[in-house]
Amino acid sequence: MHSLFKANSLSQMAPQAPRHAVQKKQRNLVHEIELSRKQKVFIIHFRELFQFRERLIPFGLRLGRVGFFAILALALLGGCQLAPRHVRPELPAPPVYPAEYAGDVSLGVRAVEIGWRDFFEDARLEALVAAALTNNRDLAVAVAQIEEARGFYRIQNADRLPAVGLSGDASRSRVGDADAVERYSVGVGVSGFELDFWGRVRNLSAAARSEFLATIEAQRAFRLSLIREVAATYLASLETAERIQLAEATVQSRREGLQIAKVRLDSGITSELDFRQAESLLTQAETELAGLRLTKIQRNNLLAVLVGGPIAEALPDALPLAQQASPMTLAAGLPSELLVARPDIISAEERLRAARANIGAARAAFFPSIALTGNFGYASAELGDLVGSNGRTWSFGPSITLPIFNRGRLRGNLTVAKAREDIAIAG
């Protein structure tokens, strides 16, 4: 309150002092106010930590000052984040369409709110698309890649928790003429659990998660692309079929014209030049018809590849090309909304998140790595006395690894991670 009063007083004194000096003092006061707020928040959290320490005393967990501050230091180190903060790059599209042809961008139905079955009117096309979504091999690969990315994410995320294993051992040994010695042991242990002070494991897990989400969006993008390719190939095949009908009628007309030219030539009414021109027109029409038939075969073959093979059941009759237009009106929307709704754009952003998380993991590799190994169990020379207080054993040991002579490799990994971030931004 006192600081706010000083700020108001300075604003009232502004006419008597230089403006830049008053603004500088106001900024300093605002900074002091923000610091005081942060200090109050820190004091509140620190007070809550001490209250938590007092709650542990009735349960027999008495922490000394050294232990308490050690746990506090570990908690603060565990919050280290070396990865760059994710900021969405600016979209290359303008926020609105040009005014000369924009119109009402909200008129109609948004494309993301309708399904492909609602958009297509041809039952034959719907059957072909459904068969492609079921049988297309590339789509099956994309779905399998999702499972692969999910499994890799589970592997990386599992490193954030200690792996507990159960072990048992039985041995019998003898040295010289001495009696044989038997030893039995059983226990549970944790081997090489890394304390993620610098966020390396956490960033690797975040990168794997982003790659998993990017793979899901990539599968969605390929699915939409497959629907588009099937529809475009099917409509192109219908167009070719109608052009073949027109070309066949043209060939028939050219043949009749050639017959007429032959009769006129034999009667001496026209010269041989007119006959040869009619013959050339017929040859051109036949050539065009042959090319259209070849195109029709190629497009049918492409459609069979997209569908994933021949369809066993009978397909419905196809609608004429003129009746393929959908009566549904699609809303234009905004360019920025269209880009955000596209799965390939979402996939690219997730890959950018993964690249930045990998930067954090590469930076964390420059710092020491601390791992814990522990074991608790029982050991005895008699199998019947294996479990008991007399045979109780335990071991605990931390280890630290500090990179010294491999800085070139670590810097190279960091350079690769930064380059992949630049590639993700540019892509």
Protein backbone atom coordinates (compact mmCIF):
# COMPACT_ATOMS: atom_id res chain seq x y z
CA MET A 1 0.00 0.00 0.00
CA HIS A 2 2.87 2.33 0.86
CA SER A 3 4.48 1.63 -2.52
CA LEU A 4 1.23 2.32 -4.34
CA PHE A 5 0.88 5.59 -2.40
CA LYS A 6 4.39 6.59 -3.49
CA ALA A 7 3.54 5.74 -7.10
CA ASN A 8 0.45 7.97 -6.94
CA SER A 9 2.46 10.77 -5.37
CA LEU A 10 5.03 10.58 -8.15
CA SER A 11 2.30 10.73 -10.80
CA GLN A 12 1.01 13.91 -9.15
CA MET A 13 4.52 15.40 -9.12
CA ALA A 14 5.05 14.69 -12.84
CA PRO A 15 4.61 18.32 -13.99
CA GLN A 16 7.45 19.42 -11.65
CA ALA A 17 10.00 16.78 -12.75
CA PRO A 18 11.25 15.49 -16.11
CA ARG A 19 8.87 12.98 -17.61
CA HIS A 20 11.49 10.27 -18.23
CA ALA A 21 12.70 10.48 -14.62
CA VAL A 22 9.18 10.05 -13.30
CA GLN A 23 8.54 7.10 -15.62
CA LYS A 24 11.78 5.47 -14.53
CA LYS A 25 10.84 5.83 -10.85
CA GLN A 26 7.38 4.43 -11.55
CA ARG A 27 8.86 1.42 -13.32
CA ASN A 28 11.20 0.85 -10.36
CA LEU A 29 8.28 1.04 -7.94
CA VAL A 30 6.23 -1.38 -10.01
CA HIS A 31 9.23 -3.73 -10.07
CA GLU A 32 9.52 -3.46 -6.29
CA ILE A 33 5.82 -4.24 -5.92
CA GLU A 34 6.17 -7.34 -8.14
CA LEU A 35 9.22 -8.46 -6.16
CA SER A 36 7.33 -8.03 -2.89
CA ARG A 37 4.47 -10.13 -4.28
CA LYS A 38 6.88 -12.87 -5.35
CA GLN A 39 8.58 -12.76 -1.94
CA LYS A 40 5.19 -13.15 -0.22
CA VAL A 41 4.36 -16.14 -2.43
CA PHE A 42 7.77 -17.70 -1.67
CA ILE A 43 7.30 -17.10 2.07
CA ILE A 44 3.84 -18.72 1.92
CA HIS A 45 5.22 -21.78 0.11
CA PHE A 46 8.20 -21.98 2.49
CA ARG A 47 5.82 -21.79 5.44
CA GLU A 48 3.74 -24.62 3.93
CA LEU A 49 6.90 -26.73 3.63
CA PHE A 50 7.67 -26.25 7.31
CA GLN A 51 4.06 -27.12 8.19
CA PHE A 52 4.43 -30.29 6.12
CA ARG A 53 7.61 -31.08 8.03
CA GLU A 54 5.75 -30.71 11.35
CA ARG A 55 2.96 -33.04 10.11
CA LEU A 56 5.51 -35.79 9.52
CA ILE A 57 6.67 -35.82 13.16
CA PRO A 58 3.67 -37.80 14.55
CA PHE A 59 4.43 -40.52 12.01
CA GLY A 60 7.96 -40.93 13.27
CA LEU A 61 9.55 -39.19 10.27
CA ARG A 62 11.67 -36.62 12.08
CA LEU A 63 13.72 -34.62 9.63
CA GLY A 64 16.63 -32.56 10.80
CA ARG A 65 17.47 -29.22 9.31
CA VAL A 66 20.08 -30.77 7.04
CA GLY A 67 17.69 -33.44 5.78
CA PHE A 68 14.87 -31.00 5.32
CA PHE A 69 16.95 -28.56 3.31
CA ALA A 70 18.41 -31.46 1.31
CA ILE A 71 14.90 -32.55 0.32
CA LEU A 72 14.04 -28.93 -0.49
CA ALA A 73 17.13 -28.65 -2.69
CA LEU A 74 16.24 -31.87 -4.50
CA ALA A 75 12.71 -30.59 -5.10
CA LEU A 76 14.03 -27.33 -6.53
CA LEU A 77 16.53 -29.14 -8.74
CA GLY A 78 13.78 -31.48 -9.92
CA GLY A 79 11.96 -28.45 -11.32
CA CYS A 80 14.84 -27.44 -13.59
CA GLN A 81 13.73 -27.00 -17.18
CA LEU A 82 16.48 -26.65 -19.77
CA ALA A 83 14.24 -27.01 -22.81
CA PRO A 84 13.23 -23.84 -24.69
CA ARG A 85 9.76 -22.54 -23.91
CA HIS A 86 7.34 -23.59 -26.62
CA VAL A 87 6.02 -20.66 -28.61
CA ARG A 88 3.84 -21.30 -31.65
CA PRO A 89 5.46 -19.81 -34.78
CA GLU A 90 3.55 -17.15 -36.64
CA LEU A 91 1.33 -18.60 -39.34
CA PRO A 92 2.22 -17.58 -42.90
CA ALA A 93 -1.46 -17.03 -43.77
CA PRO A 94 -3.23 -13.69 -43.30
CA PRO A 95 -5.84 -13.48 -40.52
CA VAL A 96 -8.69 -12.78 -43.00
CA TYR A 97 -9.34 -13.24 -46.69
CA PRO A 98 -9.06 -10.23 -49.01
CA ALA A 99 -12.18 -8.10 -48.89
CA GLU A 100 -12.81 -8.21 -52.65
CA TYR A 101 -13.79 -11.89 -52.65
CA ALA A 102 -14.15 -12.85 -48.98
CA GLY A 103 -17.92 -12.63 -48.66
CA ASP A 104 -19.56 -14.07 -45.56
CA VAL A 105 -16.94 -16.49 -44.17
CA SER A 106 -19.44 -17.91 -41.65
CA LEU A 107 -22.11 -18.88 -44.20
CA GLY A 108 -22.46 -22.65 -44.45
CA VAL A 109 -21.12 -25.65 -42.55
CA ARG A 110 -17.54 -25.93 -41.35
CA ALA A 111 -15.64 -28.69 -43.12
CA VAL A 112 -14.32 -30.13 -39.83
CA GLU A 113 -17.89 -30.64 -38.58
CA ILE A 114 -19.07 -33.00 -41.32
CA GLY A 115 -18.01 -36.51 -42.28
CA TRP A 116 -17.08 -37.77 -45.71
CA ARG A 117 -20.27 -39.86 -45.91
CA ASP A 118 -22.34 -36.70 -45.45
CA PHE A 119 -20.45 -34.90 -48.20
CA PHE A 120 -20.45 -37.51 -50.99
CA GLU A 121 -23.73 -38.24 -52.78
CA ASP A 122 -22.62 -41.27 -54.82
CA ALA A 123 -23.22 -44.60 -53.06
CA ARG A 124 -20.59 -46.28 -55.26
CA LEU A 125 -18.00 -43.72 -54.21
CA GLU A 126 -18.90 -44.22 -50.54
CA ALA A 127 -18.36 -47.97 -50.93
CA LEU A 128 -14.97 -47.40 -52.56
CA VAL A 129 -13.85 -44.99 -49.82
CA ALA A 130 -14.97 -47.37 -47.08
CA ALA A 131 -13.06 -50.22 -48.74
CA ALA A 132 -9.95 -48.02 -49.02
CA LEU A 133 -10.08 -47.09 -45.33
CA THR A 134 -10.24 -50.80 -44.50
CA ASN A 135 -7.80 -52.32 -46.99
CA ASN A 136 -5.27 -49.63 -47.95
CA ARG A 137 -1.80 -50.86 -46.99
CA ASP A 138 -0.21 -47.44 -46.53
CA LEU A 139 -2.97 -46.53 -44.09
CA ALA A 140 -2.30 -49.78 -42.23
CA VAL A 141 1.37 -48.77 -42.00
CA ALA A 142 0.36 -45.38 -40.58
CA VAL A 143 -1.81 -47.07 -37.94
CA ALA A 144 1.05 -49.44 -37.04
CA GLN A 145 3.37 -46.44 -36.68
CA ILE A 146 0.99 -45.05 -34.07
CA GLU A 147 1.37 -48.24 -32.04
CA GLU A 148 5.13 -48.04 -32.46
CA ALA A 149 5.21 -44.44 -31.21
CA ARG A 150 2.90 -45.35 -28.30
CA GLY A 151 5.22 -48.15 -27.24
CA PHE A 152 8.29 -45.93 -27.48
CA TYR A 153 6.57 -43.32 -25.34
CA ARG A 154 5.80 -45.94 -22.71
CA ILE A 155 9.46 -46.98 -22.70
CA GLN A 156 10.68 -43.42 -22.24
CA ASN A 157 8.05 -42.57 -19.63
CA ALA A 158 8.91 -45.71 -17.62
CA ASP A 159 12.41 -44.30 -16.98
CA ARG A 160 10.90 -41.59 -14.79
CA LEU A 161 10.07 -44.16 -12.09
CA PRO A 162 12.40 -46.70 -10.50
CA ALA A 163 12.27 -50.23 -11.86
CA VAL A 164 11.85 -52.64 -8.95
CA GLY A 165 12.94 -56.22 -9.48
CA LEU A 166 12.70 -59.39 -7.43
CA SER A 167 15.79 -61.60 -7.23
CA GLY A 168 16.55 -64.95 -5.69
CA ASP A 169 19.78 -66.90 -5.46
CA ALA A 170 20.94 -70.26 -4.19
CA SER A 171 24.56 -71.47 -4.24
CA ARG A 172 26.64 -74.35 -2.86
CA SER A 173 30.43 -74.13 -2.80
CA ARG A 174 33.35 -76.04 -1.37
CA VAL A 175 37.04 -75.22 -1.02
CA GLY A 176 39.50 -78.04 -0.47
CA ASP A 177 38.58 -80.54 2.23
CA ALA A 178 36.30 -78.10 4.05
CA ASP A 179 32.63 -78.71 4.36
CA ALA A 180 30.37 -77.47 1.61
CA VAL A 181 28.87 -74.03 2.20
CA GLU A 182 25.33 -73.26 1.18
CA ARG A 183 23.88 -69.78 0.79
CA TYR A 184 20.36 -68.67 -0.04
CA SER A 185 19.13 -65.13 -0.65
CA VAL A 186 16.02 -63.35 -1.80
CA GLY A 187 15.26 -59.65 -2.13
CA VAL A 188 13.92 -56.73 -4.06
CA GLY A 189 16.07 -54.01 -5.51
CA VAL A 190 16.34 -50.91 -7.65
CA SER A 191 19.22 -50.76 -10.10
CA GLY A 192 20.55 -47.57 -11.65
CA PHE A 193 17.57 -45.25 -11.10
CA GLU A 194 18.57 -41.84 -12.41
CA LEU A 195 17.63 -38.82 -10.31
CA ASP A 196 16.32 -36.45 -12.93
CA PHE A 197 17.72 -33.22 -11.48
CA TRP A 198 18.25 -31.55 -14.85
CA GLY A 199 15.13 -32.83 -16.61
CA ARG A 200 16.88 -35.12 -19.11
CA VAL A 201 14.54 -38.07 -18.59
CA ARG A 202 11.53 -35.79 -18.33
CA ASN A 203 12.38 -34.07 -21.62
CA LEU A 204 12.99 -37.39 -23.37
CA SER A 205 9.58 -38.55 -22.17
CA ALA A 206 7.99 -35.29 -23.36
CA ALA A 207 9.68 -35.66 -26.75
CA ALA A 208 8.40 -39.23 -27.09
CA ARG A 209 4.89 -38.08 -26.15
CA SER A 210 4.96 -35.30 -28.75
CA GLU A 211 6.22 -37.73 -31.39
CA PHE A 212 3.36 -40.05 -30.47
CA LEU A 213 0.79 -37.26 -30.85
CA ALA A 214 2.43 -36.15 -34.10
CA THR A 215 2.14 -39.71 -35.43
CA ILE A 216 -1.58 -39.72 -34.60
CA GLU A 217 -2.11 -36.47 -36.49
CA ALA A 218 -0.01 -37.76 -39.40
CA GLN A 219 -2.29 -40.79 -39.61
CA ARG A 220 -5.32 -38.48 -39.66
CA ALA A 221 -3.72 -36.40 -42.41
CA PHE A 222 -2.98 -39.51 -44.48
CA ARG A 223 -6.54 -40.74 -43.95
CA LEU A 224 -7.95 -37.49 -45.31
CA SER A 225 -5.48 -37.59 -48.18
CA LEU A 226 -6.56 -41.15 -49.00
CA ILE A 227 -10.24 -40.13 -49.09
CA ARG A 228 -9.35 -37.23 -51.36
CA GLU A 229 -7.29 -39.41 -53.72
CA VAL A 230 -10.00 -42.06 -53.98
CA ALA A 231 -12.68 -39.45 -54.71
CA ALA A 232 -10.51 -37.58 -57.22
CA THR A 233 -9.51 -40.76 -59.05
CA TYR A 234 -13.09 -42.01 -59.12
CA LEU A 235 -14.44 -38.74 -60.50
CA ALA A 236 -11.61 -38.59 -63.04
CA SER A 237 -12.53 -42.11 -64.15
CA LEU A 238 -16.15 -41.04 -64.62
CA GLU A 239 -15.01 -38.04 -66.61
CA THR A 240 -12.84 -40.25 -68.83
CA ALA A 241 -15.75 -42.63 -69.39
CA GLU A 242 -17.97 -39.77 -70.59
CA ARG A 243 -15.19 -38.44 -72.81
CA ILE A 244 -14.82 -41.94 -74.28
CA GLN A 245 -18.52 -41.91 -75.19
CA LEU A 246 -18.08 -38.55 -76.88
CA ALA A 247 -14.94 -39.76 -78.68
CA GLU A 248 -16.71 -42.90 -79.92
CA ALA A 249 -19.51 -40.75 -81.34
CA THR A 250 -16.87 -38.56 -83.00
CA VAL A 251 -15.15 -41.59 -84.56
CA GLN A 252 -18.46 -42.85 -85.90
CA SER A 253 -19.18 -39.43 -87.38
CA ARG A 254 -15.71 -39.30 -88.95
CA ARG A 255 -16.20 -42.74 -90.51
CA GLU A 256 -19.47 -41.69 -92.05
CA GLY A 257 -17.79 -38.54 -93.34
CA LEU A 258 -15.01 -40.63 -94.87
CA GLN A 259 -17.58 -42.84 -96.64
CA ILE A 260 -19.29 -39.77 -98.05
CA ALA A 261 -15.93 -38.37 -99.18
CA LYS A 262 -15.16 -41.70 -100.89
CA VAL A 263 -18.47 -41.65 -102.78
CA ARG A 264 -17.90 -38.03 -103.86
CA LEU A 265 -14.35 -38.91 -104.98
CA ASP A 266 -15.53 -41.86 -107.01
CA SER A 267 -18.22 -39.69 -108.60
CA GLY A 268 -15.65 -37.04 -109.54
CA ILE A 269 -17.38 -34.37 -107.49
CA THR A 270 -14.38 -33.66 -105.23
CA SER A 271 -10.64 -34.12 -105.48
CA GLU A 272 -8.51 -36.65 -103.64
CA LEU A 273 -7.38 -33.88 -101.25
CA ASP A 274 -10.83 -33.72 -99.64
CA PHE A 275 -10.80 -37.48 -99.23
CA ARG A 276 -7.38 -37.44 -97.58
CA GLN A 277 -8.51 -34.69 -95.19
CA ALA A 278 -11.52 -36.76 -94.10
CA GLU A 279 -9.22 -39.76 -93.67
CA SER A 280 -6.87 -37.66 -91.48
CA LEU A 281 -9.77 -36.50 -89.29
CA LEU A 282 -10.80 -40.11 -88.73
CA THR A 283 -7.25 -41.06 -87.76
CA GLN A 284 -7.10 -38.19 -85.25
CA ALA A 285 -10.40 -39.21 -83.67
CA GLU A 286 -9.31 -42.85 -83.39
CA THR A 287 -6.01 -41.79 -81.79
CA GLU A 288 -7.80 -39.67 -79.23
CA LEU A 289 -10.18 -42.52 -78.46
CA ALA A 290 -7.29 -44.94 -77.92
CA GLY A 291 -5.58 -42.46 -75.55
CA LEU A 292 -8.76 -42.01 -73.53
CA ARG A 293 -9.22 -45.76 -73.21
CA LEU A 294 -5.63 -46.10 -71.97
CA THR A 295 -6.23 -43.29 -69.46
CA LYS A 296 -9.40 -45.02 -68.26
CA ILE A 297 -7.48 -48.25 -67.65
CA GLN A 298 -4.70 -46.42 -65.78
CA ARG A 299 -7.15 -44.60 -63.52
CA ASN A 300 -9.03 -47.81 -62.76
CA ASN A 301 -5.74 -49.48 -61.84
CA LEU A 302 -4.84 -46.53 -59.58
CA LEU A 303 -8.26 -46.75 -57.96
CA ALA A 304 -7.73 -50.48 -57.32
CA VAL A 305 -4.36 -49.73 -55.67
CA LEU A 306 -5.89 -47.04 -53.46
CA VAL A 307 -8.77 -49.29 -52.47
CA GLY A 308 -6.32 -52.06 -51.62
CA GLY A 309 -7.48 -54.71 -54.10
CA PRO A 310 -10.61 -55.84 -55.87
CA ILE A 311 -13.90 -55.59 -54.02
CA ALA A 312 -15.73 -58.87 -53.62
CA GLU A 313 -19.28 -57.55 -53.21
CA ALA A 314 -21.22 -55.87 -56.00
CA LEU A 315 -20.96 -52.10 -56.02
CA PRO A 316 -23.96 -49.77 -56.38
CA ASP A 317 -24.56 -48.01 -59.67
CA ALA A 318 -22.56 -44.84 -60.22
CA LEU A 319 -24.20 -41.48 -60.53
CA PRO A 320 -23.51 -39.41 -63.66
CA LEU A 321 -20.74 -36.86 -63.35
CA ALA A 322 -23.22 -33.97 -63.49
CA GLN A 323 -24.99 -35.25 -60.32
CA GLN A 324 -21.84 -35.63 -58.22
CA ALA A 325 -21.91 -32.10 -56.80
CA SER A 326 -22.89 -31.94 -53.13
CA PRO A 327 -25.76 -29.57 -52.23
CA MET A 328 -24.01 -28.79 -48.95
CA THR A 329 -22.49 -25.31 -48.62
CA LEU A 330 -19.11 -25.20 -46.89
CA ALA A 331 -18.15 -22.18 -44.83
CA ALA A 332 -14.95 -20.46 -45.94
CA GLY A 333 -13.88 -19.71 -42.37
CA LEU A 334 -10.67 -17.84 -41.58
CA PRO A 335 -7.26 -18.80 -42.97
CA SER A 336 -5.78 -19.07 -39.49
CA GLU A 337 -8.59 -21.38 -38.34
CA LEU A 338 -8.16 -23.60 -41.38
CA LEU A 339 -4.44 -24.03 -40.73
CA VAL A 340 -4.94 -24.86 -37.06
CA ALA A 341 -7.65 -27.41 -37.90
CA ARG A 342 -5.46 -29.27 -40.41
CA PRO A 343 -3.93 -32.42 -38.91
CA ASP A 344 -0.66 -31.99 -40.81
CA ILE A 345 -0.21 -28.56 -39.19
CA ILE A 346 -0.96 -30.02 -35.75
CA SER A 347 1.51 -32.83 -36.44
CA ALA A 348 4.20 -30.32 -37.40
CA GLU A 349 3.64 -28.38 -34.17
CA GLU A 350 3.92 -31.55 -32.08
CA ARG A 351 7.18 -32.39 -33.82
CA LEU A 352 8.38 -28.90 -32.97
CA ARG A 353 7.56 -29.58 -29.31
CA ALA A 354 9.52 -32.83 -29.54
CA ALA A 355 12.50 -31.04 -31.07
CA ARG A 356 12.54 -28.47 -28.26
CA ALA A 357 12.25 -31.18 -25.62
CA ASN A 358 15.24 -32.93 -27.22
CA ILE A 359 17.17 -29.67 -26.86
CA GLY A 360 16.47 -29.79 -23.11
CA ALA A 361 17.68 -33.39 -22.96
CA ALA A 362 20.83 -32.51 -24.89
CA ARG A 363 21.57 -29.61 -22.54
CA ALA A 364 20.99 -31.78 -19.48
CA ALA A 365 23.62 -34.23 -20.74
CA PHE A 366 26.30 -31.62 -19.94
CA PHE A 367 25.55 -31.91 -16.21
CA PRO A 368 26.40 -34.74 -13.80
CA SER A 369 24.17 -37.81 -13.81
CA ILE A 370 23.28 -39.24 -10.39
CA ALA A 371 21.87 -42.76 -10.11
CA LEU A 372 20.72 -44.78 -7.11
CA THR A 373 21.03 -48.50 -6.57
CA GLY A 374 19.42 -50.21 -3.59
CA ASN A 375 18.50 -53.68 -2.40
CA PHE A 376 16.57 -55.13 0.51
CA GLY A 377 16.14 -58.80 1.28
CA TYR A 378 17.20 -61.81 3.31
CA ALA A 379 20.21 -64.14 3.19
CA SER A 380 20.93 -67.29 5.15
CA ALA A 381 22.92 -70.49 5.05
CA GLU A 382 19.77 -72.49 5.82
CA LEU A 383 16.77 -72.40 3.55
CA GLY A 384 14.39 -72.80 6.50
CA ASP A 385 15.82 -69.74 8.25
CA LEU A 386 15.91 -67.56 5.13
CA VAL A 387 13.22 -65.07 6.16
CA GLY A 388 13.88 -63.53 9.56
CA SER A 389 15.40 -60.59 11.33
CA ASN A 390 18.75 -62.34 11.69
CA GLY A 391 19.18 -62.70 7.94
CA ARG A 392 17.95 -59.28 6.92
CA THR A 393 20.23 -57.50 4.44
CA TRP A 394 20.11 -54.17 2.70
CA SER A 395 22.38 -52.06 0.58
CA PHE A 396 22.18 -48.55 -0.80
CA GLY A 397 24.60 -46.71 -3.01
CA PRO A 398 24.47 -43.59 -5.16
CA SER A 399 26.73 -43.09 -8.15
CA ILE A 400 27.62 -39.93 -10.06
CA THR A 401 28.88 -39.63 -13.60
CA LEU A 402 30.35 -36.37 -14.88
CA PRO A 403 31.17 -35.99 -18.59
CA ILE A 404 34.72 -34.68 -19.05
CA PHE A 405 36.35 -35.76 -22.31
CA ASN A 406 33.30 -36.19 -24.55
CA ARG A 407 32.27 -32.56 -24.81
CA GLY A 408 32.55 -32.69 -28.58
CA ARG A 409 29.91 -35.39 -28.77
CA LEU A 410 27.60 -33.57 -26.37
CA ARG A 411 27.94 -30.31 -28.28
CA GLY A 412 27.27 -32.20 -31.49
CA ASN A 413 24.08 -33.66 -30.03
CA LEU A 414 22.99 -30.18 -28.96
CA THR A 415 23.75 -28.81 -32.43
CA VAL A 416 21.69 -31.59 -34.03
CA ALA A 417 18.77 -30.89 -31.66
CA LYS A 418 18.84 -27.16 -32.43
CA ALA A 419 19.05 -27.84 -36.16
CA ARG A 420 16.00 -30.11 -35.94
CA GLU A 421 14.14 -27.33 -34.14
CA ASP A 422 14.98 -24.94 -37.00
CA ILE A 423 13.84 -27.57 -39.51
CA ALA A 424 10.56 -28.05 -37.64
CA ILE A 425 9.95 -24.28 -37.59
CA ALA A 426 10.75 -23.85 -41.27
CA GLY A 427 8.69 -26.90 -42.26
